Protein backbone atom coordinates (compact mmCIF):
# COMPACT_ATOMS: atom_id res chain seq x y z
CA MET A 1 50.46 -49.30 -8.32
CA THR A 2 51.43 -47.26 -5.67
CA TYR A 3 51.23 -43.12 -5.50
CA VAL A 4 54.37 -40.84 -4.91
CA ILE A 5 54.06 -37.71 -3.27
CA SER A 6 57.56 -35.30 -2.97
CA VAL A 7 57.56 -32.24 -1.06
CA THR A 8 60.67 -30.53 -2.51
CA PRO A 9 62.38 -27.57 -1.85
CA THR A 10 62.82 -24.83 -4.38
CA SER A 11 64.18 -21.16 -4.93
CA ALA A 12 60.94 -19.45 -4.40
CA GLY A 13 60.00 -22.22 -1.68
CA TRP A 14 58.26 -25.27 -1.54
CA THR A 15 56.92 -27.91 -4.18
CA VAL A 16 54.56 -30.62 -3.87
CA HIS A 17 53.64 -32.53 -6.86
CA GLY A 18 53.42 -36.05 -7.56
CA ASP A 19 51.84 -39.87 -9.83
CA GLY A 20 48.89 -37.97 -11.81
CA MET A 21 48.98 -34.90 -10.31
CA ALA A 22 48.28 -32.06 -13.24
CA GLU A 23 50.35 -29.48 -11.67
CA GLU A 24 52.57 -29.56 -8.60
CA MET A 25 51.64 -27.47 -5.57
CA VAL A 26 54.07 -24.23 -5.22
CA PHE A 27 54.07 -22.56 -0.98
CA THR A 28 56.60 -20.27 0.78
CA SER A 29 56.16 -22.68 3.86
CA GLY A 30 57.90 -25.96 3.91
CA GLY A 31 55.29 -26.87 6.35
CA ARG A 32 52.10 -25.92 4.53
CA ALA A 33 53.86 -27.19 1.89
CA GLU A 34 54.03 -30.77 3.36
CA GLN A 35 50.14 -30.34 5.30
CA ALA A 36 49.13 -30.09 1.62
CA ALA A 37 51.14 -33.37 0.64
CA ARG A 38 49.82 -35.18 3.88
CA ARG A 39 45.52 -34.17 3.51
CA LEU A 40 46.98 -35.70 -0.54
CA ALA A 41 47.91 -38.70 1.10
CA THR A 42 45.09 -39.00 3.37
CA ASP A 43 42.91 -38.79 -0.02
CA LEU A 44 44.29 -41.14 -1.71
CA VAL A 45 44.57 -43.55 1.76
CA GLN A 46 40.40 -43.55 2.27
CA SER A 47 40.14 -43.85 -1.62
CA GLY A 48 41.80 -47.76 -1.71
CA GLN A 49 45.55 -46.31 -2.96
CA ILE A 50 48.67 -47.21 -1.32
CA VAL A 51 50.90 -44.06 -0.81
CA GLU A 52 54.90 -42.73 -0.20
CA LEU A 53 55.02 -39.89 1.03
CA ARG A 54 58.46 -38.34 0.62
CA ILE A 55 59.43 -35.37 2.24
CA TYR A 56 63.00 -33.57 1.72
CA LEU A 57 65.14 -30.94 3.60
CA ARG A 58 66.34 -27.12 1.84
CA ASP A 59 69.42 -29.16 1.42
CA GLY A 60 68.47 -31.47 -0.57
CA SER A 61 68.29 -34.71 1.95
CA MET A 62 65.31 -36.84 2.73
CA ALA A 63 64.08 -36.32 5.87
CA VAL A 64 60.69 -38.36 5.78
CA ARG A 65 59.98 -41.61 3.78
CA THR A 66 56.68 -43.12 4.35
CA MET A 67 54.24 -45.69 2.92
CA LEU A 68 50.22 -45.48 4.14
CA SER A 69 47.66 -47.56 3.07
CA VAL A 70 44.08 -48.46 4.67
């Protein structure tokens, strides 16, 4: 199974959400949201999962789409 983790803009800041997350994480800074998403992705990869990381810009366009695995 591939886990998808996304960083998306909102009117109040940025959210990190992904497969299997009970609640999304909210940040005022896009950089902090991206750091949290990358940490979460790294933890999943270290446990043997495949992760697709998607990071979106304020205008809604995709800035990064990468697959991570062991």
